[in-house]
């Protein structure tokens, strides 16, 4: 829960500087984001938030994520909506939780336990995310609103949309399983494999829980929030307009996230470990 223990964040200048630098990086990454739709953009802002959660744990990570989102809202002046506002803190929170489990398991040599834990989480969250989204995205009220507003506003058979969505999710899942199988056959250093597994676990939870589940629901509810009723855009494009691009974008970005997370987390781990060592030595003196 508190990777920096026995240090106290609010009383340690070095930790506060690290948090400030990572939050500043999130603002810089946000400037260079690419808008795909009005409610979806390609961005690497989750990288500094993942590092915040990894370094500071779920409690302070969530707090710093909320501060960063609030500062971004105050400086850019966009419409505040709670489902969007909670996403950055959730990135930090999930990364902090994974780091907590990794701290317990990092000295283990039996990496296969961690491998099957990851498999269970992967299957469980994929099924849960898919079921929840398919239930949410087939709300009859939205289809009824489409018929009233556009006459034939919802022409595509919803079962076709469900099939396309399931095919995309399954392809994403199979791709990850192939990657895990490849890593399974290449294990040489158990501790290295454990770190790889928990980095992958962190990236997956961020993608499934925040980007696909919360992000899709937030996109729809935001338009309802602005208009005070089921949005015409929702009806015009169909509910899966908000989900399908997210699956595609996340599938393309996942290899980049994994490639960047590992070296950056190593740097963060080494800095924090060295600082704690220096702190303990100075305290003993």
C-alpha atoms as a PDB file:
ATOM      1  CA  UNK A   1       0.000   0.000   0.000  1.00  0.00           C
ATOM      2  CA  UNK A   2       2.904   2.363   0.782  1.00  0.00           C
ATOM      3  CA  UNK A   3       6.025   1.357  -1.236  1.00  0.00           C
ATOM      4  CA  UNK A   4       8.069   4.264   0.136  1.00  0.00           C
ATOM      5  CA  UNK A   5       7.579   3.277   3.836  1.00  0.00           C
ATOM      6  CA  UNK A   6       8.941   4.460   6.322  1.00  0.00           C
ATOM      7  CA  UNK A   7       9.025   7.811   4.506  1.00  0.00           C
ATOM      8  CA  UNK A   8       6.021  10.139   4.696  1.00  0.00           C
ATOM      9  CA  UNK A   9       5.006  11.736   1.419  1.00  0.00           C
ATOM     10  CA  UNK A  10       3.817  15.022   2.888  1.00  0.00           C
ATOM     11  CA  UNK A  11       7.058  15.463   4.844  1.00  0.00           C
ATOM     12  CA  UNK A  12       9.564  14.386   2.211  1.00  0.00           C
ATOM     13  CA  UNK A  13      10.647  16.867  -0.439  1.00  0.00           C
ATOM     14  CA  UNK A  14      12.191  14.228  -2.718  1.00  0.00           C
ATOM     15  CA  UNK A  15       8.969  12.228  -2.981  1.00  0.00           C
ATOM     16  CA  UNK A  16       6.925  15.370  -3.591  1.00  0.00           C
ATOM     17  CA  UNK A  17       9.321  16.411  -6.364  1.00  0.00           C
ATOM     18  CA  UNK A  18       8.958  13.002  -8.041  1.00  0.00           C
ATOM     19  CA  UNK A  19       5.181  13.264  -7.858  1.00  0.00           C
ATOM     20  CA  UNK A  20       5.258  16.807  -9.282  1.00  0.00           C
ATOM     21  CA  UNK A  21       7.549  15.784 -12.156  1.00  0.00           C
ATOM     22  CA  UNK A  22       5.328  12.841 -13.106  1.00  0.00           C
ATOM     23  CA  UNK A  23       2.197  15.005 -12.982  1.00  0.00           C
ATOM     24  CA  UNK A  24       3.957  17.580 -15.175  1.00  0.00           C
ATOM     25  CA  UNK A  25       4.803  14.806 -17.656  1.00  0.00           C
ATOM     26  CA  UNK A  26       1.125  13.863 -17.811  1.00  0.00           C
ATOM     27  CA  UNK A  27       0.274  17.437 -18.863  1.00  0.00           C
ATOM     28  CA  UNK A  28       2.972  17.351 -21.566  1.00  0.00           C
ATOM     29  CA  UNK A  29       1.760  13.999 -22.919  1.00  0.00           C
ATOM     30  CA  UNK A  30      -1.797  15.322 -22.929  1.00  0.00           C
ATOM     31  CA  UNK A  31      -0.769  18.235 -25.169  1.00  0.00           C
ATOM     32  CA  UNK A  32       0.507  15.823 -27.809  1.00  0.00           C
ATOM     33  CA  UNK A  33      -2.543  13.529 -27.723  1.00  0.00           C
ATOM     34  CA  UNK A  34      -4.415  12.764 -30.955  1.00  0.00           C
ATOM     35  CA  UNK A  35      -8.209  13.006 -31.094  1.00  0.00           C
ATOM     36  CA  UNK A  36      -9.820  10.010 -32.803  1.00  0.00           C
ATOM     37  CA  UNK A  37     -13.440  10.984 -32.049  1.00  0.00           C
ATOM     38  CA  UNK A  38     -15.046  13.661 -29.897  1.00  0.00           C
ATOM     39  CA  UNK A  39     -14.785  11.330 -26.885  1.00  0.00           C
ATOM     40  CA  UNK A  40     -11.715   9.228 -27.752  1.00  0.00           C
ATOM     41  CA  UNK A  41      -8.090  10.227 -28.158  1.00  0.00           C
ATOM     42  CA  UNK A  42      -4.768   8.440 -28.502  1.00  0.00           C
ATOM     43  CA  UNK A  43      -2.515   9.472 -25.651  1.00  0.00           C
ATOM     44  CA  UNK A  44       0.334   8.175 -23.510  1.00  0.00           C
ATOM     45  CA  UNK A  45      -0.822   9.951 -20.350  1.00  0.00           C
ATOM     46  CA  UNK A  46      -1.355   6.614 -18.609  1.00  0.00           C
ATOM     47  CA  UNK A  47       2.431   6.119 -18.509  1.00  0.00           C
ATOM     48  CA  UNK A  48       3.180   8.832 -15.899  1.00  0.00           C
ATOM     49  CA  UNK A  49       0.043   7.842 -13.980  1.00  0.00           C
ATOM     50  CA  UNK A  50       1.173   4.208 -13.955  1.00  0.00           C
ATOM     51  CA  UNK A  51       4.528   5.337 -12.567  1.00  0.00           C
ATOM     52  CA  UNK A  52       2.793   7.449  -9.911  1.00  0.00           C
ATOM     53  CA  UNK A  53       0.751   4.452  -8.783  1.00  0.00           C
ATOM     54  CA  UNK A  54       3.767   2.147  -8.898  1.00  0.00           C
ATOM     55  CA  UNK A  55       5.912   4.498  -6.804  1.00  0.00           C
ATOM     56  CA  UNK A  56       3.330   5.823  -4.352  1.00  0.00           C
ATOM     57  CA  UNK A  57       0.832   2.972  -3.994  1.00  0.00           C
ATOM     58  CA  UNK A  58      -2.956   2.987  -4.501  1.00  0.00           C
ATOM     59  CA  UNK A  59      -3.830   5.524  -1.782  1.00  0.00           C
ATOM     60  CA  UNK A  60      -1.455   8.354  -2.604  1.00  0.00           C
ATOM     61  CA  UNK A  61      -1.496   7.334  -6.265  1.00  0.00           C
ATOM     62  CA  UNK A  62      -5.249   7.892  -6.460  1.00  0.00           C
ATOM     63  CA  UNK A  63      -4.822  11.219  -4.637  1.00  0.00           C
ATOM     64  CA  UNK A  64      -2.105  12.476  -6.986  1.00  0.00           C
ATOM     65  CA  UNK A  65      -4.134  11.297  -9.987  1.00  0.00           C
ATOM     66  CA  UNK A  66      -7.142  13.283  -8.774  1.00  0.00           C
ATOM     67  CA  UNK A  67      -4.953  16.370  -8.214  1.00  0.00           C
ATOM     68  CA  UNK A  68      -3.482  16.076 -11.718  1.00  0.00           C
ATOM     69  CA  UNK A  69      -6.919  15.718 -13.306  1.00  0.00           C
ATOM     70  CA  UNK A  70      -8.256  18.704 -11.350  1.00  0.00           C
ATOM     71  CA  UNK A  71      -5.301  20.867 -12.392  1.00  0.00           C
ATOM     72  CA  UNK A  72      -5.772  19.818 -16.010  1.00  0.00           C
ATOM     73  CA  UNK A  73      -9.459  20.756 -15.824  1.00  0.00           C
ATOM     74  CA  UNK A  74      -8.706  24.141 -14.221  1.00  0.00           C
ATOM     75  CA  UNK A  75      -6.046  25.063 -16.790  1.00  0.00           C
ATOM     76  CA  UNK A  76      -7.855  23.835 -19.916  1.00  0.00           C
ATOM     77  CA  UNK A  77     -11.412  24.742 -18.952  1.00  0.00           C
ATOM     78  CA  UNK A  78     -13.330  21.810 -20.463  1.00  0.00           C
ATOM     79  CA  UNK A  79     -16.647  20.515 -19.139  1.00  0.00           C
ATOM     80  CA  UNK A  80     -16.090  18.480 -15.981  1.00  0.00           C
ATOM     81  CA  UNK A  81     -17.703  15.033 -15.869  1.00  0.00           C
ATOM     82  CA  UNK A  82     -17.084  12.601 -13.057  1.00  0.00           C
ATOM     83  CA  UNK A  83     -16.715   9.463 -15.207  1.00  0.00           C
ATOM     84  CA  UNK A  84     -13.912  11.148 -17.141  1.00  0.00           C
ATOM     85  CA  UNK A  85     -12.416  12.684 -13.989  1.00  0.00           C
ATOM     86  CA  UNK A  86     -12.093   9.304 -12.257  1.00  0.00           C
ATOM     87  CA  UNK A  87     -10.084   7.668 -15.054  1.00  0.00           C
ATOM     88  CA  UNK A  88      -6.659   9.155 -14.253  1.00  0.00           C
ATOM     89  CA  UNK A  89      -6.940   8.391 -10.528  1.00  0.00           C
ATOM     90  CA  UNK A  90      -8.023   4.856 -11.444  1.00  0.00           C
ATOM     91  CA  UNK A  91      -4.883   4.382 -13.561  1.00  0.00           C
ATOM     92  CA  UNK A  92      -2.824   5.254 -10.471  1.00  0.00           C
ATOM     93  CA  UNK A  93      -4.965   3.138  -8.145  1.00  0.00           C
ATOM     94  CA  UNK A  94      -4.731  -0.009 -10.277  1.00  0.00           C
ATOM     95  CA  UNK A  95      -0.980   0.412 -10.780  1.00  0.00           C
ATOM     96  CA  UNK A  96      -0.578   0.820  -7.023  1.00  0.00           C
ATOM     97  CA  UNK A  97      -2.545  -2.346  -6.291  1.00  0.00           C
ATOM     98  CA  UNK A  98      -0.466  -4.369  -8.739  1.00  0.00           C
ATOM     99  CA  UNK A  99       2.735  -2.968  -7.235  1.00  0.00           C
ATOM    100  CA  UNK A 100       1.550  -4.066  -3.790  1.00  0.00           C
ATOM    101  CA  UNK A 101       1.102  -7.658  -4.946  1.00  0.00           C
ATOM    102  CA  UNK A 102       4.427  -7.531  -6.796  1.00  0.00           C
ATOM    103  CA  UNK A 103       6.212  -6.439  -3.617  1.00  0.00           C
ATOM    104  CA  UNK A 104       4.971  -9.580  -1.897  1.00  0.00           C
ATOM    105  CA  UNK A 105       5.891 -11.861  -4.805  1.00  0.00           C
ATOM    106  CA  UNK A 106       9.105 -10.309  -6.165  1.00  0.00           C
ATOM    107  CA  UNK A 107      11.435 -12.571  -4.156  1.00  0.00           C
ATOM    108  CA  UNK A 108       9.677 -15.767  -5.221  1.00  0.00           C
ATOM    109  CA  UNK A 109      11.300 -18.176  -7.654  1.00  0.00           C
ATOM    110  CA  UNK A 110       8.067 -19.994  -8.522  1.00  0.00           C
ATOM    111  CA  UNK A 111       6.867 -17.652 -11.279  1.00  0.00           C
ATOM    112  CA  UNK A 112       4.289 -20.171 -12.524  1.00  0.00           C
ATOM    113  CA  UNK A 113       1.977 -19.228  -9.639  1.00  0.00           C
ATOM    114  CA  UNK A 114       2.042 -15.621 -10.840  1.00  0.00           C
ATOM    115  CA  UNK A 115       1.537 -16.765 -14.425  1.00  0.00           C
ATOM    116  CA  UNK A 116      -1.688 -18.567 -13.545  1.00  0.00           C
ATOM    117  CA  UNK A 117      -2.847 -15.687 -11.360  1.00  0.00           C
ATOM    118  CA  UNK A 118      -2.461 -13.448 -14.403  1.00  0.00           C
ATOM    119  CA  UNK A 119      -4.331 -15.960 -16.552  1.00  0.00           C
ATOM    120  CA  UNK A 120      -7.224 -16.015 -14.070  1.00  0.00           C
ATOM    121  CA  UNK A 121      -7.388 -12.218 -13.956  1.00  0.00           C
ATOM    122  CA  UNK A 122      -7.134 -12.007 -17.733  1.00  0.00           C
ATOM    123  CA  UNK A 123      -9.999 -14.431 -18.342  1.00  0.00           C
ATOM    124  CA  UNK A 124     -12.148 -13.093 -15.491  1.00  0.00           C
ATOM    125  CA  UNK A 125     -11.857  -9.428 -16.421  1.00  0.00           C
ATOM    126  CA  UNK A 126     -12.294 -10.073 -20.140  1.00  0.00           C
ATOM    127  CA  UNK A 127     -15.511 -11.982 -19.517  1.00  0.00           C
ATOM    128  CA  UNK A 128     -16.767  -9.439 -16.953  1.00  0.00           C
ATOM    129  CA  UNK A 129     -15.966  -6.439 -19.171  1.00  0.00           C
ATOM    130  CA  UNK A 130     -17.564  -8.016 -22.212  1.00  0.00           C
ATOM    131  CA  UNK A 131     -20.731  -9.073 -20.370  1.00  0.00           C
ATOM    132  CA  UNK A 132     -21.196  -5.689 -18.679  1.00  0.00           C
ATOM    133  CA  UNK A 133     -20.660  -3.768 -21.908  1.00  0.00           C
ATOM    134  CA  UNK A 134     -22.964  -5.973 -23.953  1.00  0.00           C
ATOM    135  CA  UNK A 135     -25.655  -5.566 -21.290  1.00  0.00           C
ATOM    136  CA  UNK A 136     -25.145  -1.797 -21.113  1.00  0.00           C
ATOM    137  CA  UNK A 137     -24.851  -1.183 -24.854  1.00  0.00           C
ATOM    138  CA  UNK A 138     -28.115  -2.939 -25.691  1.00  0.00           C
ATOM    139  CA  UNK A 139     -30.334  -0.695 -23.577  1.00  0.00           C
ATOM    140  CA  UNK A 140     -33.798  -0.689 -25.178  1.00  0.00           C
ATOM    141  CA  UNK A 141     -34.396   2.913 -24.108  1.00  0.00           C
ATOM    142  CA  UNK A 142     -31.682   4.153 -26.437  1.00  0.00           C
ATOM    143  CA  UNK A 143     -33.085   2.146 -29.346  1.00  0.00           C
ATOM    144  CA  UNK A 144     -36.562   3.525 -28.635  1.00  0.00           C
ATOM    145  CA  UNK A 145     -35.176   7.064 -28.613  1.00  0.00           C
ATOM    146  CA  UNK A 146     -33.581   6.360 -31.981  1.00  0.00           C
ATOM    147  CA  UNK A 147     -36.870   5.287 -33.502  1.00  0.00           C
ATOM    148  CA  UNK A 148     -38.587   8.422 -32.190  1.00  0.00           C
ATOM    149  CA  UNK A 149     -35.879  10.859 -33.256  1.00  0.00           C
ATOM    150  CA  UNK A 150     -34.758   9.405 -36.560  1.00  0.00           C
ATOM    151  CA  UNK A 151     -37.575   7.134 -37.640  1.00  0.00           C
ATOM    152  CA  UNK A 152     -35.180   4.390 -38.658  1.00  0.00           C
ATOM    153  CA  UNK A 153     -32.357   5.549 -36.432  1.00  0.00           C
ATOM    154  CA  UNK A 154     -31.153   2.088 -35.413  1.00  0.00           C
ATOM    155  CA  UNK A 155     -31.062   0.127 -38.646  1.00  0.00           C
ATOM    156  CA  UNK A 156     -28.267  -2.318 -37.865  1.00  0.00           C
ATOM    157  CA  UNK A 157     -29.311  -5.514 -36.146  1.00  0.00           C
ATOM    158  CA  UNK A 158     -27.960  -5.398 -32.601  1.00  0.00           C
ATOM    159  CA  UNK A 159     -26.872  -9.050 -32.795  1.00  0.00           C
ATOM    160  CA  UNK A 160     -24.531  -8.169 -35.667  1.00  0.00           C
ATOM    161  CA  UNK A 161     -22.972  -5.432 -33.537  1.00  0.00           C
ATOM    162  CA  UNK A 162     -22.637  -7.851 -30.629  1.00  0.00           C
ATOM    163  CA  UNK A 163     -20.934 -10.373 -32.898  1.00  0.00           C
ATOM    164  CA  UNK A 164     -18.443  -7.811 -34.211  1.00  0.00           C
ATOM    165  CA  UNK A 165     -17.672  -6.651 -30.686  1.00  0.00           C
ATOM    166  CA  UNK A 166     -17.162 -10.194 -29.418  1.00  0.00           C
ATOM    167  CA  UNK A 167     -14.907 -10.981 -32.392  1.00  0.00           C
ATOM    168  CA  UNK A 168     -12.757  -7.934 -31.614  1.00  0.00           C
ATOM    169  CA  UNK A 169     -12.520  -8.858 -27.926  1.00  0.00           C
ATOM    170  CA  UNK A 170     -11.692 -12.475 -28.716  1.00  0.00           C
ATOM    171  CA  UNK A 171      -8.981 -11.402 -31.190  1.00  0.00           C
ATOM    172  CA  UNK A 172      -7.492  -9.132 -28.526  1.00  0.00           C
ATOM    173  CA  UNK A 173      -7.629 -11.970 -25.992  1.00  0.00           C
ATOM    174  CA  UNK A 174      -6.071 -14.529 -28.360  1.00  0.00           C
ATOM    175  CA  UNK A 175      -3.266 -12.115 -29.224  1.00  0.00           C
ATOM    176  CA  UNK A 176      -2.438 -11.679 -25.542  1.00  0.00           C
ATOM    177  CA  UNK A 177      -2.560 -15.432 -24.955  1.00  0.00           C
ATOM    178  CA  UNK A 178      -0.116 -15.998 -27.811  1.00  0.00           C
ATOM    179  CA  UNK A 179       2.199 -13.399 -26.295  1.00  0.00           C
ATOM    180  CA  UNK A 180       1.955 -15.039 -22.854  1.00  0.00           C
ATOM    181  CA  UNK A 181       2.620 -18.457 -24.352  1.00  0.00           C
ATOM    182  CA  UNK A 182       5.721 -17.108 -26.069  1.00  0.00           C
ATOM    183  CA  UNK A 183       6.960 -15.553 -22.803  1.00  0.00           C
ATOM    184  CA  UNK A 184       6.256 -18.853 -21.014  1.00  0.00           C
ATOM    185  CA  UNK A 185       8.652 -20.717 -23.309  1.00  0.00           C
ATOM    186  CA  UNK A 186      11.390 -18.075 -23.015  1.00  0.00           C
ATOM    187  CA  UNK A 187      11.764 -17.955 -19.237  1.00  0.00           C
ATOM    188  CA  UNK A 188      15.390 -17.868 -18.100  1.00  0.00           C
ATOM    189  CA  UNK A 189      15.270 -15.675 -14.991  1.00  0.00           C
ATOM    190  CA  UNK A 190      12.276 -16.319 -12.691  1.00  0.00           C
ATOM    191  CA  UNK A 191      12.447 -12.904 -10.998  1.00  0.00           C
ATOM    192  CA  UNK A 192      12.565 -11.183 -14.379  1.00  0.00           C
ATOM    193  CA  UNK A 193       9.514 -13.151 -15.476  1.00  0.00           C
ATOM    194  CA  UNK A 194       7.620 -12.151 -12.320  1.00  0.00           C
ATOM    195  CA  UNK A 195       8.274  -8.463 -13.049  1.00  0.00           C
ATOM    196  CA  UNK A 196       7.146  -8.942 -16.662  1.00  0.00           C
ATOM    197  CA  UNK A 197       3.943 -10.654 -15.543  1.00  0.00           C
ATOM    198  CA  UNK A 198       2.976  -7.893 -13.120  1.00  0.00           C
ATOM    199  CA  UNK A 199       3.745  -5.161 -15.649  1.00  0.00           C
ATOM    200  CA  UNK A 200       1.474  -6.972 -18.093  1.00  0.00           C
ATOM    201  CA  UNK A 201      -1.154  -7.362 -15.366  1.00  0.00           C
ATOM    202  CA  UNK A 202      -1.037  -3.621 -14.692  1.00  0.00           C
ATOM    203  CA  UNK A 203      -1.356  -2.756 -18.387  1.00  0.00           C
ATOM    204  CA  UNK A 204      -4.279  -5.170 -18.827  1.00  0.00           C
ATOM    205  CA  UNK A 205      -6.226  -3.872 -15.832  1.00  0.00           C
ATOM    206  CA  UNK A 206      -5.749  -0.301 -17.016  1.00  0.00           C
ATOM    207  CA  UNK A 207      -7.004  -1.212 -20.480  1.00  0.00           C
ATOM    208  CA  UNK A 208      -9.958  -3.389 -19.473  1.00  0.00           C
ATOM    209  CA  UNK A 209     -11.255  -1.505 -16.434  1.00  0.00           C
ATOM    210  CA  UNK A 210     -10.513   2.105 -17.392  1.00  0.00           C
ATOM    211  CA  UNK A 211     -10.189   2.385 -21.173  1.00  0.00           C
ATOM    212  CA  UNK A 212     -12.759  -0.177 -22.324  1.00  0.00           C
ATOM    213  CA  UNK A 213     -15.292  -0.390 -19.483  1.00  0.00           C
ATOM    214  CA  UNK A 214     -15.303   3.018 -17.764  1.00  0.00           C
ATOM    215  CA  UNK A 215     -14.207   4.851 -20.926  1.00  0.00           C
ATOM    216  CA  UNK A 216     -17.001   3.467 -23.093  1.00  0.00           C
ATOM    217  CA  UNK A 217     -19.702   4.090 -20.501  1.00  0.00           C
ATOM    218  CA  UNK A 218     -18.308   7.581 -19.819  1.00  0.00           C
ATOM    219  CA  UNK A 219     -18.443   8.497 -23.517  1.00  0.00           C
ATOM    220  CA  UNK A 220     -22.122   7.655 -23.708  1.00  0.00           C
ATOM    221  CA  UNK A 221     -23.134   9.134 -20.369  1.00  0.00           C
ATOM    222  CA  UNK A 222     -21.212  12.337 -21.136  1.00  0.00           C
ATOM    223  CA  UNK A 223     -23.374  13.005 -24.183  1.00  0.00           C
ATOM    224  CA  UNK A 224     -26.477  12.274 -22.130  1.00  0.00           C
ATOM    225  CA  UNK A 225     -25.122  14.615 -19.429  1.00  0.00           C
ATOM    226  CA  UNK A 226     -24.692  17.452 -21.939  1.00  0.00           C
ATOM    227  CA  UNK A 227     -28.119  17.119 -23.535  1.00  0.00           C
ATOM    228  CA  UNK A 228     -30.097  15.897 -20.522  1.00  0.00           C
ATOM    229  CA  UNK A 229     -31.473  12.950 -22.500  1.00  0.00           C
ATOM    230  CA  UNK A 230     -30.251  10.027 -24.641  1.00  0.00           C
ATOM    231  CA  UNK A 231     -27.979  11.703 -27.163  1.00  0.00           C
ATOM    232  CA  UNK A 232     -28.817  11.876 -30.857  1.00  0.00           C
ATOM    233  CA  UNK A 233     -25.178  11.065 -31.564  1.00  0.00           C
ATOM    234  CA  UNK A 234     -25.593   7.853 -29.607  1.00  0.00           C
ATOM    235  CA  UNK A 235     -28.552   6.890 -31.763  1.00  0.00           C
ATOM    236  CA  UNK A 236     -27.042   8.063 -35.024  1.00  0.00           C
ATOM    237  CA  UNK A 237     -23.799   6.122 -34.781  1.00  0.00           C
ATOM    238  CA  UNK A 238     -24.952   3.219 -32.671  1.00  0.00           C
ATOM    239  CA  UNK A 239     -23.676   2.320 -29.246  1.00  0.00           C
ATOM    240  CA  UNK A 240     -20.779   0.274 -30.609  1.00  0.00           C
ATOM    241  CA  UNK A 241     -19.339   3.364 -32.285  1.00  0.00           C
ATOM    242  CA  UNK A 242     -17.959   4.215 -28.845  1.00  0.00           C
ATOM    243  CA  UNK A 243     -16.559   0.770 -28.109  1.00  0.00           C
ATOM    244  CA  UNK A 244     -15.064  -0.563 -31.337  1.00  0.00           C
ATOM    245  CA  UNK A 245     -12.475   2.225 -31.807  1.00  0.00           C
ATOM    246  CA  UNK A 246     -11.375   1.710 -28.214  1.00  0.00           C
ATOM    247  CA  UNK A 247     -10.739  -1.993 -28.740  1.00  0.00           C
ATOM    248  CA  UNK A 248      -8.747  -1.264 -31.905  1.00  0.00           C
ATOM    249  CA  UNK A 249      -6.722   1.587 -30.380  1.00  0.00           C
ATOM    250  CA  UNK A 250      -5.890  -0.373 -27.223  1.00  0.00           C
ATOM    251  CA  UNK A 251      -4.882  -3.452 -29.216  1.00  0.00           C
ATOM    252  CA  UNK A 252      -2.453  -1.331 -31.242  1.00  0.00           C
ATOM    253  CA  UNK A 253      -1.073   0.551 -28.229  1.00  0.00           C
ATOM    254  CA  UNK A 254      -0.640  -2.431 -25.897  1.00  0.00           C
ATOM    255  CA  UNK A 255       2.781  -3.489 -27.315  1.00  0.00           C
ATOM    256  CA  UNK A 256       4.024   0.102 -26.987  1.00  0.00           C
ATOM    257  CA  UNK A 257       2.808   0.342 -23.399  1.00  0.00           C
ATOM    258  CA  UNK A 258       4.561  -2.894 -22.480  1.00  0.00           C
ATOM    259  CA  UNK A 259       7.775  -1.802 -24.207  1.00  0.00           C
ATOM    260  CA  UNK A 260       7.789   1.535 -22.342  1.00  0.00           C
ATOM    261  CA  UNK A 261       6.520   0.409 -18.943  1.00  0.00           C
ATOM    262  CA  UNK A 262       9.353  -2.001 -18.173  1.00  0.00           C
ATOM    263  CA  UNK A 263      12.392   0.323 -18.538  1.00  0.00           C
ATOM    264  CA  UNK A 264      10.562   3.231 -16.901  1.00  0.00           C
ATOM    265  CA  UNK A 265       9.430   1.098 -13.966  1.00  0.00           C
ATOM    266  CA  UNK A 266      12.982  -0.176 -13.559  1.00  0.00           C
ATOM    267  CA  UNK A 267      14.218   3.423 -13.347  1.00  0.00           C
ATOM    268  CA  UNK A 268      11.512   4.305 -10.821  1.00  0.00           C
ATOM    269  CA  UNK A 269      12.240   1.175  -8.768  1.00  0.00           C
ATOM    270  CA  UNK A 270      15.989   1.851  -8.703  1.00  0.00           C
ATOM    271  CA  UNK A 271      15.545   5.500  -7.741  1.00  0.00           C
ATOM    272  CA  UNK A 272      13.141   4.687  -4.936  1.00  0.00           C
ATOM    273  CA  UNK A 273      15.276   1.793  -3.677  1.00  0.00           C
ATOM    274  CA  UNK A 274      18.462   3.886  -3.695  1.00  0.00           C
ATOM    275  CA  UNK A 275      16.754   6.770  -1.957  1.00  0.00           C
ATOM    276  CA  UNK A 276      15.371   4.485   0.759  1.00  0.00           C
ATOM    277  CA  UNK A 277      18.840   2.987   1.228  1.00  0.00           C
ATOM    278  CA  UNK A 278      20.407   6.429   1.637  1.00  0.00           C
ATOM    279  CA  UNK A 279      17.628   7.455   4.006  1.00  0.00           C
ATOM    280  CA  UNK A 280      18.095   4.364   6.183  1.00  0.00           C
ATOM    281  CA  UNK A 281      21.874   4.846   6.305  1.00  0.00           C
ATOM    282  CA  UNK A 282      21.538   8.487   7.313  1.00  0.00           C
ATOM    283  CA  UNK A 283      18.990   7.542   9.979  1.00  0.00           C
ATOM    284  CA  UNK A 284      21.321   4.903  11.463  1.00  0.00           C
ATOM    285  CA  UNK A 285      24.091   7.456  11.775  1.00  0.00           C
END
